[in-house]
Amino acid sequence: MKEPKGRYVTGRAISFLAKEFNYHDWMQDWEHIVADYKDINRYFETYMASTDDDIRFALMALIVETSNEGWDSGWITEMWPKVKQLLTDNFLLHEYTIYYWCYSLSDDIEDMFVISPYMRDLWKELTGDNFVSTYDETDLQSENND
């Protein structure tokens, strides 16, 4: 399995969405820090209204990030079907998003994001490939020797 070409949230999309949602406008890992489950319906509304791929990509990053805080609130039963449909319908735009959230550093479910098993199933459904960790023991040994 080949890693897809990386795609990342752009500064322009961050500036637009920060103004739209009254968030701080720039910081490292912006989409992971500012995502807020209470805003998820607004994320979906803005996503559906936008035709700008950079903005829709950034919104999907916010939407998926909310799985970390909204899990206990029924995220998987309420939000996952909508997210899965958008990811499926816009696979070329969100291929790297799906790949990222599959979590390539481990195949142990205890080490993954809570959404990773669902993303791995979706990856297989859309690509026909099983997602397998790209991390191996030689990586761990080299980290320990540094």
N, C-alpha and C. Protein backbone atom coordinates (compact mmCIF):
# COMPACT_ATOMS: atom_id res chain seq x y z
N MET A 1 0.84 -1.17 0.00
CA MET A 1 0.00 0.00 0.00
C MET A 1 0.89 1.24 0.00
N LYS A 2 0.61 2.13 -0.91
CA LYS A 2 1.39 3.36 -1.05
C LYS A 2 0.68 4.50 -0.32
N GLU A 3 1.45 5.26 0.42
CA GLU A 3 0.89 6.43 1.11
C GLU A 3 0.44 7.45 0.07
N PRO A 4 -0.77 7.99 0.21
CA PRO A 4 -1.22 9.01 -0.74
C PRO A 4 -0.44 10.31 -0.55
N LYS A 5 -0.49 11.14 -1.56
CA LYS A 5 0.17 12.44 -1.48
C LYS A 5 -0.43 13.23 -0.32
N GLY A 6 0.43 13.80 0.49
CA GLY A 6 -0.03 14.57 1.64
C GLY A 6 -0.81 15.81 1.22
N ARG A 7 -1.79 16.11 2.00
CA ARG A 7 -2.55 17.35 1.81
C ARG A 7 -2.77 17.92 3.21
N TYR A 8 -2.65 19.22 3.32
CA TYR A 8 -2.71 19.84 4.64
C TYR A 8 -3.61 21.07 4.61
N VAL A 9 -4.06 21.46 5.77
CA VAL A 9 -4.89 22.64 5.91
C VAL A 9 -4.07 23.87 5.53
N THR A 10 -4.64 24.74 4.72
CA THR A 10 -3.93 25.92 4.24
C THR A 10 -4.16 27.12 5.16
N GLY A 11 -3.23 28.05 5.12
CA GLY A 11 -3.37 29.28 5.89
C GLY A 11 -4.59 30.08 5.48
N ARG A 12 -4.88 30.09 4.20
CA ARG A 12 -6.06 30.82 3.70
C ARG A 12 -7.34 30.23 4.26
N ALA A 13 -7.42 28.88 4.30
CA ALA A 13 -8.62 28.22 4.85
C ALA A 13 -8.73 28.49 6.35
N ILE A 14 -7.59 28.46 7.04
CA ILE A 14 -7.60 28.74 8.47
C ILE A 14 -8.09 30.16 8.73
N SER A 15 -7.59 31.11 7.99
CA SER A 15 -8.01 32.51 8.18
C SER A 15 -9.51 32.66 7.96
N PHE A 16 -10.01 32.05 6.90
CA PHE A 16 -11.44 32.13 6.61
C PHE A 16 -12.27 31.49 7.73
N LEU A 17 -11.90 30.28 8.13
CA LEU A 17 -12.68 29.55 9.14
C LEU A 17 -12.53 30.16 10.53
N ALA A 18 -11.36 30.70 10.83
CA ALA A 18 -11.17 31.36 12.13
C ALA A 18 -12.13 32.54 12.25
N LYS A 19 -12.27 33.29 11.17
CA LYS A 19 -13.21 34.42 11.17
C LYS A 19 -14.65 33.90 11.25
N GLU A 20 -14.95 32.87 10.48
CA GLU A 20 -16.31 32.30 10.44
C GLU A 20 -16.77 31.78 11.80
N PHE A 21 -15.85 31.15 12.54
CA PHE A 21 -16.20 30.50 13.81
C PHE A 21 -15.66 31.24 15.04
N ASN A 22 -15.03 32.40 14.81
CA ASN A 22 -14.45 33.20 15.89
C ASN A 22 -13.41 32.41 16.68
N TYR A 23 -12.49 31.77 15.94
CA TYR A 23 -11.39 31.01 16.52
C TYR A 23 -10.09 31.81 16.36
N HIS A 24 -9.08 31.43 17.13
CA HIS A 24 -7.75 31.98 16.89
C HIS A 24 -7.38 31.65 15.45
N ASP A 25 -6.62 32.54 14.84
CA ASP A 25 -6.40 32.35 13.41
C ASP A 25 -5.14 31.61 13.01
N TRP A 26 -4.23 31.36 13.91
CA TRP A 26 -3.09 30.56 13.47
C TRP A 26 -2.32 30.03 14.66
N MET A 27 -1.99 28.78 14.58
CA MET A 27 -1.12 28.11 15.55
C MET A 27 -0.78 26.75 14.97
N GLN A 28 0.27 26.15 15.45
CA GLN A 28 0.61 24.80 15.00
C GLN A 28 -0.52 23.85 15.35
N ASP A 29 -0.83 22.94 14.46
CA ASP A 29 -1.90 21.95 14.66
C ASP A 29 -3.25 22.62 14.90
N TRP A 30 -3.49 23.72 14.23
CA TRP A 30 -4.69 24.53 14.40
C TRP A 30 -5.95 23.69 14.45
N GLU A 31 -6.11 22.82 13.44
CA GLU A 31 -7.37 22.07 13.33
C GLU A 31 -7.58 21.12 14.51
N HIS A 32 -6.50 20.66 15.13
CA HIS A 32 -6.62 19.76 16.28
C HIS A 32 -6.92 20.53 17.56
N ILE A 33 -6.47 21.76 17.61
CA ILE A 33 -6.63 22.56 18.82
C ILE A 33 -7.99 23.26 18.88
N VAL A 34 -8.44 23.81 17.77
CA VAL A 34 -9.67 24.62 17.81
C VAL A 34 -10.95 23.82 17.60
N ALA A 35 -10.85 22.62 17.05
CA ALA A 35 -12.06 21.83 16.78
C ALA A 35 -12.89 21.70 18.05
N ASP A 36 -14.19 21.91 17.90
CA ASP A 36 -15.08 21.90 19.06
C ASP A 36 -16.37 21.18 18.68
N TYR A 37 -16.65 20.12 19.41
CA TYR A 37 -17.83 19.30 19.11
C TYR A 37 -19.12 20.12 19.10
N LYS A 38 -19.19 21.14 19.94
CA LYS A 38 -20.42 21.95 19.98
C LYS A 38 -20.67 22.68 18.65
N ASP A 39 -19.63 22.82 17.82
CA ASP A 39 -19.76 23.50 16.53
C ASP A 39 -19.94 22.54 15.36
N ILE A 40 -20.08 21.27 15.62
CA ILE A 40 -20.05 20.30 14.52
C ILE A 40 -21.16 20.52 13.50
N ASN A 41 -22.36 20.89 13.94
CA ASN A 41 -23.43 21.12 12.96
C ASN A 41 -23.12 22.32 12.07
N ARG A 42 -22.47 23.33 12.63
CA ARG A 42 -22.04 24.48 11.82
C ARG A 42 -20.94 24.07 10.84
N TYR A 43 -20.07 23.15 11.26
CA TYR A 43 -19.03 22.66 10.33
C TYR A 43 -19.70 21.99 9.13
N PHE A 44 -20.68 21.14 9.40
CA PHE A 44 -21.38 20.46 8.30
C PHE A 44 -22.09 21.47 7.40
N GLU A 45 -22.77 22.44 7.99
CA GLU A 45 -23.48 23.44 7.19
C GLU A 45 -22.51 24.23 6.31
N THR A 46 -21.39 24.63 6.87
CA THR A 46 -20.40 25.39 6.12
C THR A 46 -19.77 24.53 5.03
N TYR A 47 -19.52 23.28 5.35
CA TYR A 47 -18.97 22.34 4.36
C TYR A 47 -19.92 22.24 3.16
N MET A 48 -21.20 22.02 3.44
CA MET A 48 -22.17 21.82 2.37
C MET A 48 -22.36 23.10 1.52
N ALA A 49 -22.16 24.25 2.13
CA ALA A 49 -22.35 25.52 1.42
C ALA A 49 -21.11 25.93 0.62
N SER A 50 -19.97 25.34 0.92
CA SER A 50 -18.72 25.76 0.28
C SER A 50 -18.45 24.97 -1.00
N THR A 51 -17.83 25.66 -1.94
CA THR A 51 -17.34 25.01 -3.16
C THR A 51 -15.81 25.05 -3.21
N ASP A 52 -15.20 25.59 -2.15
CA ASP A 52 -13.75 25.74 -2.08
C ASP A 52 -13.14 24.49 -1.45
N ASP A 53 -12.32 23.78 -2.21
CA ASP A 53 -11.75 22.52 -1.71
C ASP A 53 -10.85 22.72 -0.49
N ASP A 54 -10.10 23.81 -0.43
CA ASP A 54 -9.25 24.04 0.74
C ASP A 54 -10.09 24.22 2.00
N ILE A 55 -11.17 24.95 1.88
CA ILE A 55 -12.05 25.16 3.03
C ILE A 55 -12.75 23.85 3.41
N ARG A 56 -13.23 23.11 2.44
CA ARG A 56 -13.89 21.84 2.74
C ARG A 56 -12.90 20.84 3.35
N PHE A 57 -11.65 20.84 2.88
CA PHE A 57 -10.64 19.97 3.46
C PHE A 57 -10.40 20.34 4.93
N ALA A 58 -10.27 21.63 5.21
CA ALA A 58 -10.05 22.09 6.59
C ALA A 58 -11.26 21.77 7.47
N LEU A 59 -12.45 21.96 6.94
CA LEU A 59 -13.65 21.63 7.70
C LEU A 59 -13.71 20.14 8.04
N MET A 60 -13.32 19.30 7.09
CA MET A 60 -13.32 17.87 7.38
C MET A 60 -12.32 17.55 8.48
N ALA A 61 -11.19 18.24 8.48
CA ALA A 61 -10.22 18.04 9.56
C ALA A 61 -10.84 18.39 10.90
N LEU A 62 -11.59 19.48 10.96
CA LEU A 62 -12.27 19.87 12.19
C LEU A 62 -13.33 18.84 12.58
N ILE A 63 -14.11 18.42 11.60
CA ILE A 63 -15.18 17.45 11.86
C ILE A 63 -14.62 16.16 12.43
N VAL A 64 -13.61 15.62 11.78
CA VAL A 64 -13.05 14.34 12.24
C VAL A 64 -12.38 14.50 13.61
N GLU A 65 -11.72 15.62 13.82
CA GLU A 65 -11.08 15.87 15.12
C GLU A 65 -12.09 15.82 16.25
N THR A 66 -13.33 16.24 16.00
CA THR A 66 -14.33 16.23 17.07
C THR A 66 -14.64 14.83 17.56
N SER A 67 -14.26 13.80 16.80
CA SER A 67 -14.49 12.43 17.26
C SER A 67 -13.74 12.16 18.56
N ASN A 68 -12.65 12.88 18.79
CA ASN A 68 -11.88 12.69 20.02
C ASN A 68 -12.62 13.18 21.25
N GLU A 69 -13.42 14.24 21.11
CA GLU A 69 -14.14 14.76 22.26
C GLU A 69 -15.61 14.37 22.27
N GLY A 70 -16.16 14.04 21.12
CA GLY A 70 -17.58 13.74 21.05
C GLY A 70 -17.93 12.27 21.14
N TRP A 71 -16.91 11.45 21.34
CA TRP A 71 -17.13 10.00 21.33
C TRP A 71 -18.20 9.57 22.33
N ASP A 72 -18.13 10.12 23.53
CA ASP A 72 -19.10 9.76 24.57
C ASP A 72 -20.48 10.33 24.29
N SER A 73 -20.56 11.27 23.39
CA SER A 73 -21.84 11.90 23.06
C SER A 73 -22.54 11.22 21.89
N GLY A 74 -22.12 10.04 21.54
CA GLY A 74 -22.74 9.32 20.44
C GLY A 74 -22.20 9.71 19.08
N TRP A 75 -20.96 10.21 19.03
CA TRP A 75 -20.38 10.65 17.76
C TRP A 75 -20.48 9.58 16.69
N ILE A 76 -20.14 8.35 17.04
CA ILE A 76 -20.09 7.30 16.01
C ILE A 76 -21.49 6.98 15.47
N THR A 77 -22.50 7.02 16.29
CA THR A 77 -23.85 6.72 15.79
C THR A 77 -24.50 7.92 15.10
N GLU A 78 -24.21 9.12 15.60
CA GLU A 78 -24.85 10.31 15.04
C GLU A 78 -24.06 10.96 13.91
N MET A 79 -22.75 11.05 14.07
CA MET A 79 -21.94 11.81 13.11
C MET A 79 -21.25 10.94 12.06
N TRP A 80 -20.82 9.76 12.44
CA TRP A 80 -20.04 8.93 11.51
C TRP A 80 -20.76 8.68 10.20
N PRO A 81 -22.07 8.37 10.18
CA PRO A 81 -22.71 8.15 8.87
C PRO A 81 -22.60 9.37 7.94
N LYS A 82 -22.75 10.58 8.50
CA LYS A 82 -22.62 11.79 7.67
C LYS A 82 -21.17 11.97 7.20
N VAL A 83 -20.24 11.77 8.13
CA VAL A 83 -18.82 11.93 7.80
C VAL A 83 -18.41 10.91 6.74
N LYS A 84 -18.80 9.67 6.96
CA LYS A 84 -18.46 8.60 6.02
C LYS A 84 -18.98 8.91 4.62
N GLN A 85 -20.20 9.43 4.54
CA GLN A 85 -20.77 9.76 3.23
C GLN A 85 -19.98 10.87 2.55
N LEU A 86 -19.63 11.91 3.29
CA LEU A 86 -18.84 13.00 2.71
C LEU A 86 -17.45 12.52 2.28
N LEU A 87 -16.83 11.70 3.11
CA LEU A 87 -15.51 11.16 2.74
C LEU A 87 -15.59 10.28 1.50
N THR A 88 -16.63 9.51 1.41
CA THR A 88 -16.83 8.63 0.26
C THR A 88 -17.11 9.44 -1.01
N ASP A 89 -18.03 10.39 -0.89
CA ASP A 89 -18.42 11.21 -2.05
C ASP A 89 -17.28 12.08 -2.55
N ASN A 90 -16.36 12.43 -1.64
CA ASN A 90 -15.27 13.35 -1.98
C ASN A 90 -13.92 12.70 -1.70
N PHE A 91 -13.80 11.43 -2.08
CA PHE A 91 -12.61 10.66 -1.74
C PHE A 91 -11.32 11.30 -2.25
N LEU A 92 -11.31 11.81 -3.45
CA LEU A 92 -10.08 12.40 -3.98
C LEU A 92 -9.64 13.60 -3.15
N LEU A 93 -10.58 14.37 -2.65
CA LEU A 93 -10.26 15.51 -1.79
C LEU A 93 -9.77 15.04 -0.42
N HIS A 94 -10.37 13.98 0.11
CA HIS A 94 -10.11 13.58 1.50
C HIS A 94 -9.32 12.28 1.65
N GLU A 95 -8.71 11.82 0.57
CA GLU A 95 -7.93 10.58 0.65
C GLU A 95 -6.88 10.64 1.75
N TYR A 96 -6.14 11.75 1.82
CA TYR A 96 -5.09 11.84 2.84
C TYR A 96 -5.68 11.96 4.25
N THR A 97 -6.83 12.58 4.38
CA THR A 97 -7.51 12.66 5.68
C THR A 97 -7.82 11.26 6.20
N ILE A 98 -8.39 10.44 5.34
CA ILE A 98 -8.71 9.07 5.72
C ILE A 98 -7.44 8.33 6.10
N TYR A 99 -6.42 8.46 5.27
CA TYR A 99 -5.15 7.79 5.52
C TYR A 99 -4.58 8.22 6.88
N TYR A 100 -4.55 9.52 7.14
CA TYR A 100 -4.01 10.05 8.39
C TYR A 100 -4.72 9.44 9.60
N TRP A 101 -6.04 9.43 9.55
CA TRP A 101 -6.82 8.96 10.70
C TRP A 101 -6.85 7.44 10.81
N CYS A 102 -6.37 6.73 9.80
CA CYS A 102 -6.18 5.28 9.94
C CYS A 102 -5.08 4.97 10.95
N TYR A 103 -4.19 5.89 11.13
CA TYR A 103 -3.07 5.82 12.07
C TYR A 103 -2.08 4.74 11.68
N SER A 104 -0.97 5.19 11.11
CA SER A 104 0.00 4.26 10.55
C SER A 104 1.09 3.81 11.52
N LEU A 105 1.08 4.29 12.74
CA LEU A 105 2.16 3.95 13.67
C LEU A 105 1.93 2.66 14.44
N SER A 106 0.75 2.10 14.39
CA SER A 106 0.49 0.89 15.15
C SER A 106 -0.76 0.19 14.60
N ASP A 107 -0.78 -1.12 14.76
CA ASP A 107 -1.98 -1.88 14.45
C ASP A 107 -2.71 -2.27 15.74
N ASP A 108 -2.20 -1.84 16.88
CA ASP A 108 -2.82 -2.12 18.17
C ASP A 108 -3.91 -1.09 18.42
N ILE A 109 -5.13 -1.55 18.58
CA ILE A 109 -6.28 -0.66 18.75
C ILE A 109 -6.13 0.26 19.96
N GLU A 110 -5.37 -0.16 20.94
CA GLU A 110 -5.15 0.66 22.14
C GLU A 110 -4.30 1.90 21.84
N ASP A 111 -3.54 1.87 20.76
CA ASP A 111 -2.64 2.97 20.41
C ASP A 111 -3.22 3.92 19.37
N MET A 112 -4.38 3.62 18.84
CA MET A 112 -4.96 4.39 17.74
C MET A 112 -5.86 5.51 18.23
N PHE A 113 -6.26 6.37 17.28
CA PHE A 113 -7.34 7.31 17.53
C PHE A 113 -8.62 6.48 17.66
N VAL A 114 -9.61 6.99 18.36
CA VAL A 114 -10.85 6.24 18.51
C VAL A 114 -11.54 6.00 17.16
N ILE A 115 -11.33 6.88 16.21
CA ILE A 115 -11.95 6.76 14.90
C ILE A 115 -11.17 5.85 13.95
N SER A 116 -9.95 5.49 14.30
CA SER A 116 -9.08 4.74 13.38
C SER A 116 -9.68 3.44 12.86
N PRO A 117 -10.29 2.59 13.68
CA PRO A 117 -10.85 1.35 13.11
C PRO A 117 -11.92 1.62 12.05
N TYR A 118 -12.70 2.68 12.22
CA TYR A 118 -13.73 3.04 11.24
C TYR A 118 -13.09 3.58 9.96
N MET A 119 -12.05 4.36 10.13
CA MET A 119 -11.33 4.89 8.96
C MET A 119 -10.63 3.75 8.20
N ARG A 120 -10.10 2.79 8.93
CA ARG A 120 -9.46 1.65 8.26
C ARG A 120 -10.48 0.83 7.47
N ASP A 121 -11.66 0.64 8.03
CA ASP A 121 -12.72 -0.05 7.28
C ASP A 121 -13.11 0.73 6.03
N LEU A 122 -13.22 2.04 6.17
CA LEU A 122 -13.56 2.88 5.02
C LEU A 122 -12.45 2.84 3.97
N TRP A 123 -11.20 2.88 4.43
CA TRP A 123 -10.07 2.79 3.50
C TRP A 123 -10.17 1.52 2.66
N LYS A 124 -10.45 0.40 3.33
CA LYS A 124 -10.57 -0.87 2.60
C LYS A 124 -11.75 -0.83 1.63
N GLU A 125 -12.86 -0.27 2.08
CA GLU A 125 -14.05 -0.17 1.24
C GLU A 125 -13.79 0.67 -0.02
N LEU A 126 -13.04 1.75 0.12
CA LEU A 126 -12.82 2.67 -0.99
C LEU A 126 -11.64 2.30 -1.88
N THR A 127 -10.63 1.65 -1.31
CA THR A 127 -9.43 1.35 -2.09
C THR A 127 -9.25 -0.14 -2.38
N GLY A 128 -9.92 -0.98 -1.60
CA GLY A 128 -9.74 -2.42 -1.73
C GLY A 128 -8.53 -2.94 -0.97
N ASP A 129 -7.79 -2.03 -0.32
CA ASP A 129 -6.58 -2.41 0.41
C ASP A 129 -6.84 -2.43 1.91
N ASN A 130 -6.30 -3.43 2.58
CA ASN A 130 -6.29 -3.42 4.04
C ASN A 130 -5.26 -2.40 4.48
N PHE A 131 -5.60 -1.61 5.47
CA PHE A 131 -4.64 -0.65 6.00
C PHE A 131 -3.76 -1.37 7.01
N VAL A 132 -2.46 -1.29 6.79
CA VAL A 132 -1.50 -1.94 7.67
C VAL A 132 -0.50 -0.89 8.13
N SER A 133 -0.17 -0.93 9.39
CA SER A 133 0.80 0.01 9.95
C SER A 133 2.09 0.01 9.14
N THR A 134 2.66 1.19 8.98
CA THR A 134 3.94 1.32 8.28
C THR A 134 5.10 1.40 9.26
N TYR A 135 4.80 1.35 10.52
CA TYR A 135 5.80 1.46 11.58
C TYR A 135 6.33 0.08 11.89
N ASP A 136 7.64 -0.06 12.05
CA ASP A 136 8.18 -1.37 12.40
C ASP A 136 9.20 -1.25 13.52
N GLU A 137 9.65 -2.39 14.01
CA GLU A 137 10.56 -2.42 15.15
C GLU A 137 11.87 -1.69 14.89
N THR A 138 12.34 -1.65 13.65
CA THR A 138 13.59 -0.94 13.38
C THR A 138 13.41 0.56 13.62
N ASP A 139 12.18 1.08 13.37
CA ASP A 139 11.90 2.48 13.68
C ASP A 139 12.03 2.72 15.18
N LEU A 140 11.46 1.81 15.98
CA LEU A 140 11.51 1.92 17.43
C LEU A 140 12.95 1.84 17.94
N GLN A 141 13.71 0.91 17.38
CA GLN A 141 15.10 0.75 17.82
C GLN A 141 15.91 2.00 17.49
N SER A 142 15.69 2.58 16.32
CA SER A 142 16.44 3.77 15.95
C SER A 142 16.06 4.95 16.84
N GLU A 143 14.78 5.07 17.23
CA GLU A 143 14.35 6.13 18.15
C GLU A 143 15.00 5.97 19.51
N ASN A 144 15.09 4.73 19.99
CA ASN A 144 15.68 4.46 21.29
C ASN A 144 17.19 4.71 21.31
N ASN A 145 17.84 4.61 20.17
CA ASN A 145 19.27 4.82 20.09
C ASN A 145 19.66 6.28 19.92
N ASP A 146 18.68 7.13 19.62
CA ASP A 146 18.98 8.57 19.41
C ASP A 146 19.17 9.30 20.71
